[in-house]
Amino acid sequence: MKDMSPTTAARDAYRVPFRSLIPFLLISFGLAWGILGLYIFLPERMASVFGQLTGNHPLFFLAVYAPAIAAIILVAGKGGRSGLRRFFGRVLLWRCGVLWYAFLIIGLPLLFIGGSAFRGNLLTEPFPFTSFHTLLAALFLAAIKGPMEEFGWRGLALPLLQRKFAPIWGGLILGVIWGLWHFPAFLLSGTQQSEWSFGAFFAGCLAISVIATALFNRSHGSILLSAFFHFQLMNPMFPDAQPYDTYLLIVVASLIVWWNRQNMFKKEGAVTEVIPNKRKMADGHVRPLSESPPKKDSFP
């Protein structure tokens, strides 16, 4: 029998295999497409039983949570409670380069403002909230909806893809999957996506996924920063900039890939573990055992 070192045993004990990507996609697509598909093909019957589907309907939330549900099921099945604790520990990761924080907090609002200016509605559309309470409610709903997807997309799918592909290709593959996963929402009235162009949205998914991949790797696998990035893209305070926000995101993604080209086109250093094996490292980061030591922070 082949001997295994403690390090190898620990890694294998918490390793979510690459083949887990198949059940992850089956659950993510099956749950989301199943719910939305029933409303597409049986609208009257579903509305009579569950009510009209809107972006705030409980079943719509369930569809949105499908990637997170899939990830939690797979992580729990492989790592148990300890594995889940380590997986959720990625929510506590916050250390990243200061330029990334500047991009998330300042750059993204400016991107939407610039896109709205190109569209010509920056100064013509009134602020959509009439009171502070309605604004807080909208921010809360935005925070607990789309960002929860990141437990699945970046928390599980991206590390698995980065075992086989360099970050640029893993990010683009995940962007294609992510974009297609949203498609049924474009066929339903009452959802936010029904008002958008799928072509522009799909292109945006590719750009966003590439940016999120660079952010995820630079932050050593932070689900927190991935979720915050997702939230900022949905922030109800920002003006409607479609489709110019997509064009600007493509420009930003291209610049990030060029700036970080040495890391985006090679697998070394990318986060590849779904369940981290150590909580604390000497540098204060949670980092998978398979990952190389962190380099000096830079942007991206």
C-alpha atoms as a PDB file:
ATOM      1  CA  MET A   1       0.000   0.000   0.000  1.00  0.00           C
ATOM      2  CA  LYS A   2       1.249   3.430  -0.880  1.00  0.00           C
ATOM      3  CA  ASP A   3       2.050   5.547   2.180  1.00  0.00           C
ATOM      4  CA  MET A   4       0.533   8.980   2.421  1.00  0.00           C
ATOM      5  CA  SER A   5       2.042  11.872   4.333  1.00  0.00           C
ATOM      6  CA  PRO A   6      -0.202  13.787   6.786  1.00  0.00           C
ATOM      7  CA  THR A   7      -0.304  16.665   4.321  1.00  0.00           C
ATOM      8  CA  THR A   8      -1.441  14.414   1.466  1.00  0.00           C
ATOM      9  CA  ALA A   9      -3.993  12.672   3.690  1.00  0.00           C
ATOM     10  CA  ALA A  10      -5.442  15.999   4.825  1.00  0.00           C
ATOM     11  CA  ARG A  11      -5.677  17.214   1.233  1.00  0.00           C
ATOM     12  CA  ASP A  12      -7.405  14.027   0.065  1.00  0.00           C
ATOM     13  CA  ALA A  13      -9.786  14.044   3.031  1.00  0.00           C
ATOM     14  CA  TYR A  14     -11.198  17.412   2.015  1.00  0.00           C
ATOM     15  CA  ARG A  15     -10.706  17.261  -1.741  1.00  0.00           C
ATOM     16  CA  VAL A  16     -13.803  17.762  -3.857  1.00  0.00           C
ATOM     17  CA  PRO A  17     -12.959  15.918  -7.098  1.00  0.00           C
ATOM     18  CA  PHE A  18     -13.196  17.546 -10.512  1.00  0.00           C
ATOM     19  CA  ARG A  19     -15.991  15.166 -11.480  1.00  0.00           C
ATOM     20  CA  SER A  20     -18.145  16.911  -8.847  1.00  0.00           C
ATOM     21  CA  LEU A  21     -18.631  19.626 -11.480  1.00  0.00           C
ATOM     22  CA  ILE A  22     -21.173  17.361 -13.215  1.00  0.00           C
ATOM     23  CA  PRO A  23     -23.585  16.958 -10.263  1.00  0.00           C
ATOM     24  CA  PHE A  24     -23.037  20.624  -9.434  1.00  0.00           C
ATOM     25  CA  LEU A  25     -24.251  21.651 -12.891  1.00  0.00           C
ATOM     26  CA  LEU A  26     -27.087  19.127 -12.851  1.00  0.00           C
ATOM     27  CA  ILE A  27     -28.410  20.498  -9.557  1.00  0.00           C
ATOM     28  CA  SER A  28     -27.819  24.145 -10.472  1.00  0.00           C
ATOM     29  CA  PHE A  29     -29.496  23.902 -13.874  1.00  0.00           C
ATOM     30  CA  GLY A  30     -32.087  21.321 -12.847  1.00  0.00           C
ATOM     31  CA  LEU A  31     -33.424  23.345  -9.937  1.00  0.00           C
ATOM     32  CA  ALA A  32     -33.334  26.773 -11.606  1.00  0.00           C
ATOM     33  CA  TRP A  33     -34.468  25.703 -15.062  1.00  0.00           C
ATOM     34  CA  GLY A  34     -37.058  23.360 -13.561  1.00  0.00           C
ATOM     35  CA  ILE A  35     -38.754  26.149 -11.606  1.00  0.00           C
ATOM     36  CA  LEU A  36     -38.599  28.693 -14.408  1.00  0.00           C
ATOM     37  CA  GLY A  37     -39.486  26.097 -17.016  1.00  0.00           C
ATOM     38  CA  LEU A  38     -42.719  25.250 -15.224  1.00  0.00           C
ATOM     39  CA  TYR A  39     -43.673  28.925 -15.286  1.00  0.00           C
ATOM     40  CA  ILE A  40     -42.773  29.122 -18.991  1.00  0.00           C
ATOM     41  CA  PHE A  41     -44.725  26.049 -20.108  1.00  0.00           C
ATOM     42  CA  LEU A  42     -47.468  25.959 -17.434  1.00  0.00           C
ATOM     43  CA  PRO A  43     -47.908  29.645 -16.547  1.00  0.00           C
ATOM     44  CA  GLU A  44     -51.586  29.595 -15.588  1.00  0.00           C
ATOM     45  CA  ARG A  45     -51.362  26.451 -13.493  1.00  0.00           C
ATOM     46  CA  MET A  46     -48.220  27.606 -11.666  1.00  0.00           C
ATOM     47  CA  ALA A  47     -49.697  31.066 -11.062  1.00  0.00           C
ATOM     48  CA  SER A  48     -52.898  29.596  -9.657  1.00  0.00           C
ATOM     49  CA  VAL A  49     -50.983  27.400  -7.218  1.00  0.00           C
ATOM     50  CA  PHE A  50     -47.932  29.485  -6.298  1.00  0.00           C
ATOM     51  CA  GLY A  51     -48.834  32.981  -7.483  1.00  0.00           C
ATOM     52  CA  GLN A  52     -47.386  35.095 -10.263  1.00  0.00           C
ATOM     53  CA  LEU A  53     -43.616  34.805 -10.531  1.00  0.00           C
ATOM     54  CA  THR A  54     -41.664  37.994  -9.891  1.00  0.00           C
ATOM     55  CA  GLY A  55     -38.077  38.750  -9.035  1.00  0.00           C
ATOM     56  CA  ASN A  56     -38.980  38.679  -5.333  1.00  0.00           C
ATOM     57  CA  HIS A  57     -41.076  35.482  -5.388  1.00  0.00           C
ATOM     58  CA  PRO A  58     -39.813  32.722  -3.015  1.00  0.00           C
ATOM     59  CA  LEU A  59     -39.538  30.287  -5.931  1.00  0.00           C
ATOM     60  CA  PHE A  60     -37.429  32.799  -7.839  1.00  0.00           C
ATOM     61  CA  PHE A  61     -35.134  33.045  -4.816  1.00  0.00           C
ATOM     62  CA  LEU A  62     -34.943  29.247  -4.742  1.00  0.00           C
ATOM     63  CA  ALA A  63     -33.923  29.230  -8.408  1.00  0.00           C
ATOM     64  CA  VAL A  64     -31.279  31.906  -7.767  1.00  0.00           C
ATOM     65  CA  TYR A  65     -29.909  29.943  -4.802  1.00  0.00           C
ATOM     66  CA  ALA A  66     -29.529  26.762  -6.885  1.00  0.00           C
ATOM     67  CA  PRO A  67     -25.716  27.060  -7.373  1.00  0.00           C
ATOM     68  CA  ALA A  68     -25.202  27.695  -3.652  1.00  0.00           C
ATOM     69  CA  ILE A  69     -27.481  24.774  -2.747  1.00  0.00           C
ATOM     70  CA  ALA A  70     -25.573  22.509  -5.122  1.00  0.00           C
ATOM     71  CA  ALA A  71     -22.218  23.573  -3.670  1.00  0.00           C
ATOM     72  CA  ILE A  72     -23.349  23.069  -0.081  1.00  0.00           C
ATOM     73  CA  ILE A  73     -24.691  19.589  -0.856  1.00  0.00           C
ATOM     74  CA  LEU A  74     -21.450  18.519  -2.516  1.00  0.00           C
ATOM     75  CA  VAL A  75     -19.170  20.064   0.124  1.00  0.00           C
ATOM     76  CA  ALA A  76     -21.202  18.509   2.942  1.00  0.00           C
ATOM     77  CA  GLY A  77     -21.117  15.144   1.222  1.00  0.00           C
ATOM     78  CA  LYS A  78     -17.336  15.206   0.921  1.00  0.00           C
ATOM     79  CA  GLY A  79     -16.231  17.143   3.972  1.00  0.00           C
ATOM     80  CA  GLY A  80     -19.096  16.885   6.470  1.00  0.00           C
ATOM     81  CA  ARG A  81     -19.527  19.589   9.076  1.00  0.00           C
ATOM     82  CA  SER A  82     -15.815  20.289   9.271  1.00  0.00           C
ATOM     83  CA  GLY A  83     -15.630  20.683   5.517  1.00  0.00           C
ATOM     84  CA  LEU A  84     -18.606  23.041   5.513  1.00  0.00           C
ATOM     85  CA  ARG A  85     -17.011  25.175   8.237  1.00  0.00           C
ATOM     86  CA  ARG A  86     -13.832  25.465   6.213  1.00  0.00           C
ATOM     87  CA  PHE A  87     -15.781  26.197   3.045  1.00  0.00           C
ATOM     88  CA  PHE A  88     -17.855  28.920   4.722  1.00  0.00           C
ATOM     89  CA  GLY A  89     -14.605  30.258   6.181  1.00  0.00           C
ATOM     90  CA  ARG A  90     -13.960  31.741   2.741  1.00  0.00           C
ATOM     91  CA  VAL A  91     -16.608  34.325   3.631  1.00  0.00           C
ATOM     92  CA  LEU A  92     -14.174  35.694   6.216  1.00  0.00           C
ATOM     93  CA  LEU A  93     -11.407  36.282   3.700  1.00  0.00           C
ATOM     94  CA  TRP A  94     -11.111  39.988   3.006  1.00  0.00           C
ATOM     95  CA  ARG A  95      -7.436  40.744   2.391  1.00  0.00           C
ATOM     96  CA  CYS A  96      -6.727  41.967  -1.099  1.00  0.00           C
ATOM     97  CA  GLY A  97      -4.827  44.709  -2.882  1.00  0.00           C
ATOM     98  CA  VAL A  98      -5.960  48.261  -2.220  1.00  0.00           C
ATOM     99  CA  LEU A  99      -6.534  48.845  -5.938  1.00  0.00           C
ATOM    100  CA  TRP A 100      -9.087  46.031  -5.978  1.00  0.00           C
ATOM    101  CA  TYR A 101     -10.990  47.736  -3.164  1.00  0.00           C
ATOM    102  CA  ALA A 102     -10.803  51.013  -5.066  1.00  0.00           C
ATOM    103  CA  PHE A 103     -12.263  49.259  -8.107  1.00  0.00           C
ATOM    104  CA  LEU A 104     -15.074  47.636  -6.112  1.00  0.00           C
ATOM    105  CA  ILE A 105     -16.050  50.686  -4.076  1.00  0.00           C
ATOM    106  CA  ILE A 106     -15.269  53.575  -6.431  1.00  0.00           C
ATOM    107  CA  GLY A 107     -14.582  52.168  -9.886  1.00  0.00           C
ATOM    108  CA  LEU A 108     -17.814  50.214 -10.332  1.00  0.00           C
ATOM    109  CA  PRO A 109     -20.116  53.130  -9.428  1.00  0.00           C
ATOM    110  CA  LEU A 110     -18.173  55.325 -11.851  1.00  0.00           C
ATOM    111  CA  LEU A 111     -18.534  52.630 -14.507  1.00  0.00           C
ATOM    112  CA  PHE A 112     -22.323  52.670 -14.186  1.00  0.00           C
ATOM    113  CA  ILE A 113     -22.425  56.458 -14.072  1.00  0.00           C
ATOM    114  CA  GLY A 114     -20.283  56.610 -17.201  1.00  0.00           C
ATOM    115  CA  GLY A 115     -22.444  54.009 -18.954  1.00  0.00           C
ATOM    116  CA  SER A 116     -25.574  55.947 -18.045  1.00  0.00           C
ATOM    117  CA  ALA A 117     -24.005  59.136 -19.382  1.00  0.00           C
ATOM    118  CA  PHE A 118     -23.293  57.385 -22.701  1.00  0.00           C
ATOM    119  CA  ARG A 119     -26.872  56.158 -22.739  1.00  0.00           C
ATOM    120  CA  GLY A 120     -28.157  59.662 -22.137  1.00  0.00           C
ATOM    121  CA  ASN A 121     -30.311  58.999 -19.073  1.00  0.00           C
ATOM    122  CA  LEU A 122     -27.940  60.041 -16.303  1.00  0.00           C
ATOM    123  CA  LEU A 123     -29.708  63.345 -15.585  1.00  0.00           C
ATOM    124  CA  THR A 124     -33.140  62.535 -16.987  1.00  0.00           C
ATOM    125  CA  GLU A 125     -34.253  59.593 -14.834  1.00  0.00           C
ATOM    126  CA  PRO A 126     -35.271  60.399 -11.239  1.00  0.00           C
ATOM    127  CA  PHE A 127     -33.827  58.551  -8.259  1.00  0.00           C
ATOM    128  CA  PRO A 128     -36.000  55.405  -8.042  1.00  0.00           C
ATOM    129  CA  PHE A 129     -36.545  55.444  -4.273  1.00  0.00           C
ATOM    130  CA  THR A 130     -38.936  57.780  -2.519  1.00  0.00           C
ATOM    131  CA  SER A 131     -37.800  57.052   1.037  1.00  0.00           C
ATOM    132  CA  PHE A 132     -34.819  55.797   2.965  1.00  0.00           C
ATOM    133  CA  HIS A 133     -36.771  52.695   4.035  1.00  0.00           C
ATOM    134  CA  THR A 134     -37.518  51.652   0.452  1.00  0.00           C
ATOM    135  CA  LEU A 135     -33.847  52.142  -0.409  1.00  0.00           C
ATOM    136  CA  LEU A 136     -32.761  49.930   2.498  1.00  0.00           C
ATOM    137  CA  ALA A 137     -35.271  47.262   1.469  1.00  0.00           C
ATOM    138  CA  ALA A 138     -33.956  47.294  -2.110  1.00  0.00           C
ATOM    139  CA  LEU A 139     -30.343  47.064  -0.930  1.00  0.00           C
ATOM    140  CA  PHE A 140     -31.220  44.174   1.379  1.00  0.00           C
ATOM    141  CA  LEU A 141     -32.977  42.228  -1.383  1.00  0.00           C
ATOM    142  CA  ALA A 142     -30.049  42.816  -3.738  1.00  0.00           C
ATOM    143  CA  ALA A 143     -27.620  41.585  -1.073  1.00  0.00           C
ATOM    144  CA  ILE A 144     -29.449  38.312  -0.363  1.00  0.00           C
ATOM    145  CA  LYS A 145     -30.230  37.405  -3.967  1.00  0.00           C
ATOM    146  CA  GLY A 146     -27.590  37.329  -6.696  1.00  0.00           C
ATOM    147  CA  PRO A 147     -24.486  37.447  -4.454  1.00  0.00           C
ATOM    148  CA  MET A 148     -25.521  34.106  -2.921  1.00  0.00           C
ATOM    149  CA  GLU A 149     -24.756  32.478  -6.281  1.00  0.00           C
ATOM    150  CA  GLU A 150     -21.060  32.986  -5.559  1.00  0.00           C
ATOM    151  CA  PHE A 151     -20.978  30.096  -3.083  1.00  0.00           C
ATOM    152  CA  GLY A 152     -21.461  27.920  -6.142  1.00  0.00           C
ATOM    153  CA  TRP A 153     -19.887  29.723  -9.092  1.00  0.00           C
ATOM    154  CA  ARG A 154     -16.697  30.997  -7.501  1.00  0.00           C
ATOM    155  CA  GLY A 155     -16.779  28.880  -4.328  1.00  0.00           C
ATOM    156  CA  LEU A 156     -16.916  25.509  -6.078  1.00  0.00           C
ATOM    157  CA  ALA A 157     -17.039  25.659  -9.884  1.00  0.00           C
ATOM    158  CA  LEU A 158     -14.100  28.005 -10.468  1.00  0.00           C
ATOM    159  CA  PRO A 159     -11.575  26.129  -8.265  1.00  0.00           C
ATOM    160  CA  LEU A 160     -12.525  22.889 -10.020  1.00  0.00           C
ATOM    161  CA  LEU A 161     -12.136  24.426 -13.481  1.00  0.00           C
ATOM    162  CA  GLN A 162      -8.762  25.926 -12.515  1.00  0.00           C
ATOM    163  CA  ARG A 163      -7.420  22.436 -11.871  1.00  0.00           C
ATOM    164  CA  LYS A 164      -7.703  21.745 -15.594  1.00  0.00           C
ATOM    165  CA  PHE A 165      -7.462  25.198 -17.165  1.00  0.00           C
ATOM    166  CA  ALA A 166      -5.522  28.416 -16.716  1.00  0.00           C
ATOM    167  CA  PRO A 167      -7.578  31.129 -14.959  1.00  0.00           C
ATOM    168  CA  ILE A 168      -8.415  32.989 -18.187  1.00  0.00           C
ATOM    169  CA  TRP A 169      -9.940  29.866 -19.755  1.00  0.00           C
ATOM    170  CA  GLY A 170     -11.568  28.694 -16.547  1.00  0.00           C
ATOM    171  CA  GLY A 171     -13.140  32.124 -16.128  1.00  0.00           C
ATOM    172  CA  LEU A 172     -14.421  32.186 -19.710  1.00  0.00           C
ATOM    173  CA  ILE A 173     -15.842  28.648 -19.480  1.00  0.00           C
ATOM    174  CA  LEU A 174     -17.598  29.550 -16.251  1.00  0.00           C
ATOM    175  CA  GLY A 175     -18.864  32.755 -17.876  1.00  0.00           C
ATOM    176  CA  VAL A 176     -20.494  30.713 -20.657  1.00  0.00           C
ATOM    177  CA  ILE A 177     -22.085  28.369 -18.118  1.00  0.00           C
ATOM    178  CA  TRP A 178     -23.203  31.265 -15.959  1.00  0.00           C
ATOM    179  CA  GLY A 179     -24.721  33.151 -18.883  1.00  0.00           C
ATOM    180  CA  LEU A 180     -26.646  30.129 -20.178  1.00  0.00           C
ATOM    181  CA  TRP A 181     -27.900  29.369 -16.659  1.00  0.00           C
ATOM    182  CA  HIS A 182     -29.724  32.730 -16.682  1.00  0.00           C
ATOM    183  CA  PHE A 183     -31.410  32.175 -20.043  1.00  0.00           C
ATOM    184  CA  PRO A 184     -34.910  31.051 -18.874  1.00  0.00           C
ATOM    185  CA  ALA A 185     -35.305  34.263 -16.851  1.00  0.00           C
ATOM    186  CA  PHE A 186     -35.213  36.210 -20.118  1.00  0.00           C
ATOM    187  CA  LEU A 187     -38.311  34.353 -21.302  1.00  0.00           C
ATOM    188  CA  LEU A 188     -40.463  35.294 -18.312  1.00  0.00           C
ATOM    189  CA  SER A 189     -42.272  38.574 -17.817  1.00  0.00           C
ATOM    190  CA  GLY A 190     -41.994  39.946 -14.308  1.00  0.00           C
ATOM    191  CA  THR A 191     -38.279  39.240 -13.984  1.00  0.00           C
ATOM    192  CA  GLN A 192     -35.581  41.882 -14.246  1.00  0.00           C
ATOM    193  CA  GLN A 193     -33.874  39.956 -17.039  1.00  0.00           C
ATOM    194  CA  SER A 194     -36.966  40.100 -19.261  1.00  0.00           C
ATOM    195  CA  GLU A 195     -36.227  43.799 -19.845  1.00  0.00           C
ATOM    196  CA  TRP A 196     -32.653  43.180 -20.998  1.00  0.00           C
ATOM    197  CA  SER A 197     -30.990  41.963 -24.188  1.00  0.00           C
ATOM    198  CA  PHE A 198     -29.647  38.433 -23.712  1.00  0.00           C
ATOM    199  CA  GLY A 199     -26.788  39.005 -26.162  1.00  0.00           C
ATOM    200  CA  ALA A 200     -25.427  41.967 -24.218  1.00  0.00           C
ATOM    201  CA  PHE A 201     -26.033  40.166 -20.932  1.00  0.00           C
ATOM    202  CA  PHE A 202     -24.158  37.058 -22.140  1.00  0.00           C
ATOM    203  CA  ALA A 203     -21.174  39.147 -23.234  1.00  0.00           C
ATOM    204  CA  GLY A 204     -21.280  40.845 -19.845  1.00  0.00           C
ATOM    205  CA  CYS A 205     -21.227  37.452 -18.097  1.00  0.00           C
ATOM    206  CA  LEU A 206     -17.992  36.576 -19.887  1.00  0.00           C
ATOM    207  CA  ALA A 207     -16.359  39.867 -18.901  1.00  0.00           C
ATOM    208  CA  ILE A 208     -17.629  39.711 -15.320  1.00  0.00           C
ATOM    209  CA  SER A 209     -16.483  36.112 -14.929  1.00  0.00           C
ATOM    210  CA  VAL A 210     -12.957  37.006 -16.064  1.00  0.00           C
ATOM    211  CA  ILE A 211     -12.815  39.932 -13.619  1.00  0.00           C
ATOM    212  CA  ALA A 212     -14.230  37.766 -10.803  1.00  0.00           C
ATOM    213  CA  THR A 213     -11.634  35.080 -11.547  1.00  0.00           C
ATOM    214  CA  ALA A 214      -8.755  37.525 -11.138  1.00  0.00           C
ATOM    215  CA  LEU A 215     -10.332  38.904  -7.950  1.00  0.00           C
ATOM    216  CA  PHE A 216     -10.955  35.419  -6.525  1.00  0.00           C
ATOM    217  CA  ASN A 217      -7.366  34.322  -7.063  1.00  0.00           C
ATOM    218  CA  ARG A 218      -5.849  37.586  -5.830  1.00  0.00           C
ATOM    219  CA  SER A 219      -7.951  37.407  -2.644  1.00  0.00           C
ATOM    220  CA  HIS A 220      -6.838  33.784  -2.058  1.00  0.00           C
ATOM    221  CA  GLY A 221     -10.312  32.372  -2.687  1.00  0.00           C
ATOM    222  CA  SER A 222     -12.532  34.951  -0.987  1.00  0.00           C
ATOM    223  CA  ILE A 223     -16.244  34.304  -1.454  1.00  0.00           C
ATOM    224  CA  LEU A 224     -16.877  37.549   0.431  1.00  0.00           C
ATOM    225  CA  LEU A 225     -15.244  39.768  -2.194  1.00  0.00           C
ATOM    226  CA  SER A 226     -16.763  37.769  -5.055  1.00  0.00           C
ATOM    227  CA  ALA A 227     -20.201  38.259  -3.502  1.00  0.00           C
ATOM    228  CA  PHE A 228     -19.554  41.978  -2.944  1.00  0.00           C
ATOM    229  CA  PHE A 229     -18.512  42.343  -6.581  1.00  0.00           C
ATOM    230  CA  HIS A 230     -21.758  40.600  -7.599  1.00  0.00           C
ATOM    231  CA  PHE A 231     -23.751  42.898  -5.305  1.00  0.00           C
ATOM    232  CA  GLN A 232     -22.179  46.023  -6.775  1.00  0.00           C
ATOM    233  CA  LEU A 233     -23.207  44.868 -10.243  1.00  0.00           C
ATOM    234  CA  MET A 234     -26.811  44.710  -8.990  1.00  0.00           C
ATOM    235  CA  ASN A 235     -26.682  47.745  -6.709  1.00  0.00           C
ATOM    236  CA  PRO A 236     -30.112  49.423  -7.043  1.00  0.00           C
ATOM    237  CA  MET A 237     -28.578  52.836  -6.322  1.00  0.00           C
ATOM    238  CA  PHE A 238     -26.625  52.824  -9.573  1.00  0.00           C
ATOM    239  CA  PRO A 239     -28.286  54.219 -12.730  1.00  0.00           C
ATOM    240  CA  ASP A 240     -29.466  51.976 -15.554  1.00  0.00           C
ATOM    241  CA  ALA A 241     -26.571  51.857 -18.007  1.00  0.00           C
ATOM    242  CA  GLN A 242     -27.524  48.943 -20.280  1.00  0.00           C
ATOM    243  CA  PRO A 243     -25.868  48.078 -22.614  1.00  0.00           C
ATOM    244  CA  TYR A 244     -23.006  50.568 -22.129  1.00  0.00           C
ATOM    245  CA  ASP A 245     -22.081  49.112 -18.751  1.00  0.00           C
ATOM    246  CA  THR A 246     -21.437  45.832 -20.582  1.00  0.00           C
ATOM    247  CA  TYR A 247     -19.128  47.551 -23.071  1.00  0.00           C
ATOM    248  CA  LEU A 248     -17.192  49.171 -20.232  1.00  0.00           C
ATOM    249  CA  LEU A 249     -16.956  45.878 -18.318  1.00  0.00           C
ATOM    250  CA  ILE A 250     -15.452  44.244 -21.409  1.00  0.00           C
ATOM    251  CA  VAL A 251     -12.843  47.027 -21.537  1.00  0.00           C
ATOM    252  CA  VAL A 252     -12.083  46.578 -17.818  1.00  0.00           C
ATOM    253  CA  ALA A 253     -11.806  42.782 -18.190  1.00  0.00           C
ATOM    254  CA  SER A 254      -9.414  43.207 -21.118  1.00  0.00           C
ATOM    255  CA  LEU A 255      -7.218  45.592 -19.124  1.00  0.00           C
ATOM    256  CA  ILE A 256      -7.155  43.242 -16.129  1.00  0.00           C
ATOM    257  CA  VAL A 257      -6.158  40.288 -18.302  1.00  0.00           C
ATOM    258  CA  TRP A 258      -3.391  42.314 -19.944  1.00  0.00           C
ATOM    259  CA  TRP A 259      -2.122  43.692 -16.632  1.00  0.00           C
ATOM    260  CA  ASN A 260      -2.217  40.286 -14.947  1.00  0.00           C
ATOM    261  CA  ARG A 261      -1.287  38.223 -18.020  1.00  0.00           C
ATOM    262  CA  GLN A 262       1.510  36.317 -16.282  1.00  0.00           C
ATOM    263  CA  ASN A 263      -0.955  34.827 -13.794  1.00  0.00           C
ATOM    264  CA  MET A 264      -4.078  34.600 -15.951  1.00  0.00           C
ATOM    265  CA  PHE A 265      -2.467  32.298 -18.525  1.00  0.00           C
ATOM    266  CA  LYS A 266      -0.870  29.760 -16.188  1.00  0.00           C
ATOM    267  CA  LYS A 267      -2.368  27.430 -13.599  1.00  0.00           C
ATOM    268  CA  GLU A 268       0.354  27.886 -10.983  1.00  0.00           C
ATOM    269  CA  GLY A 269      -0.857  29.979  -8.058  1.00  0.00           C
ATOM    270  CA  ALA A 270      -4.564  29.748  -8.910  1.00  0.00           C
ATOM    271  CA  VAL A 271      -6.982  28.676  -6.180  1.00  0.00           C
ATOM    272  CA  THR A 272      -7.905  25.053  -6.892  1.00  0.00           C
ATOM    273  CA  GLU A 273      -9.224  23.745  -3.569  1.00  0.00           C
ATOM    274  CA  VAL A 274     -12.928  23.991  -2.741  1.00  0.00           C
ATOM    275  CA  ILE A 275     -12.430  23.131   0.926  1.00  0.00           C
ATOM    276  CA  PRO A 276      -9.336  24.800   2.436  1.00  0.00           C
ATOM    277  CA  ASN A 277      -7.180  22.535   4.573  1.00  0.00           C
ATOM    278  CA  LYS A 278      -5.781  25.195   6.916  1.00  0.00           C
ATOM    279  CA  ARG A 279      -7.577  28.109   8.522  1.00  0.00           C
ATOM    280  CA  LYS A 280      -4.615  30.279   9.343  1.00  0.00           C
ATOM    281  CA  MET A 281      -1.310  30.713   7.595  1.00  0.00           C
ATOM    282  CA  ALA A 282       1.648  32.751   8.672  1.00  0.00           C
ATOM    283  CA  ASP A 283       0.556  35.622   6.449  1.00  0.00           C
ATOM    284  CA  GLY A 284      -2.971  35.697   7.857  1.00  0.00           C
ATOM    285  CA  HIS A 285      -4.649  34.240   4.752  1.00  0.00           C
ATOM    286  CA  VAL A 286      -6.594  31.014   4.414  1.00  0.00           C
ATOM    287  CA  ARG A 287      -4.807  29.278   1.580  1.00  0.00           C
ATOM    288  CA  PRO A 288      -5.232  25.762   0.154  1.00  0.00           C
ATOM    289  CA  LEU A 289      -2.326  23.369   0.631  1.00  0.00           C
ATOM    290  CA  SER A 290      -2.021  22.963  -3.124  1.00  0.00           C
ATOM    291  CA  GLU A 291      -1.561  26.670  -3.650  1.00  0.00           C
ATOM    292  CA  SER A 292       1.791  28.369  -3.915  1.00  0.00           C
ATOM    293  CA  PRO A 293       2.736  31.068  -1.375  1.00  0.00           C
ATOM    294  CA  PRO A 294       1.117  34.425  -2.052  1.00  0.00           C
ATOM    295  CA  LYS A 295       2.976  36.981  -4.062  1.00  0.00           C
ATOM    296  CA  LYS A 296       3.177  40.616  -3.212  1.00  0.00           C
ATOM    297  CA  ASP A 297      -0.231  42.221  -3.699  1.00  0.00           C
ATOM    298  CA  SER A 298      -0.730  43.998  -6.988  1.00  0.00           C
ATOM    299  CA  PHE A 299      -3.581  44.953  -9.245  1.00  0.00           C
ATOM    300  CA  PRO A 300      -5.210  42.853 -10.334  1.00  0.00           C
END
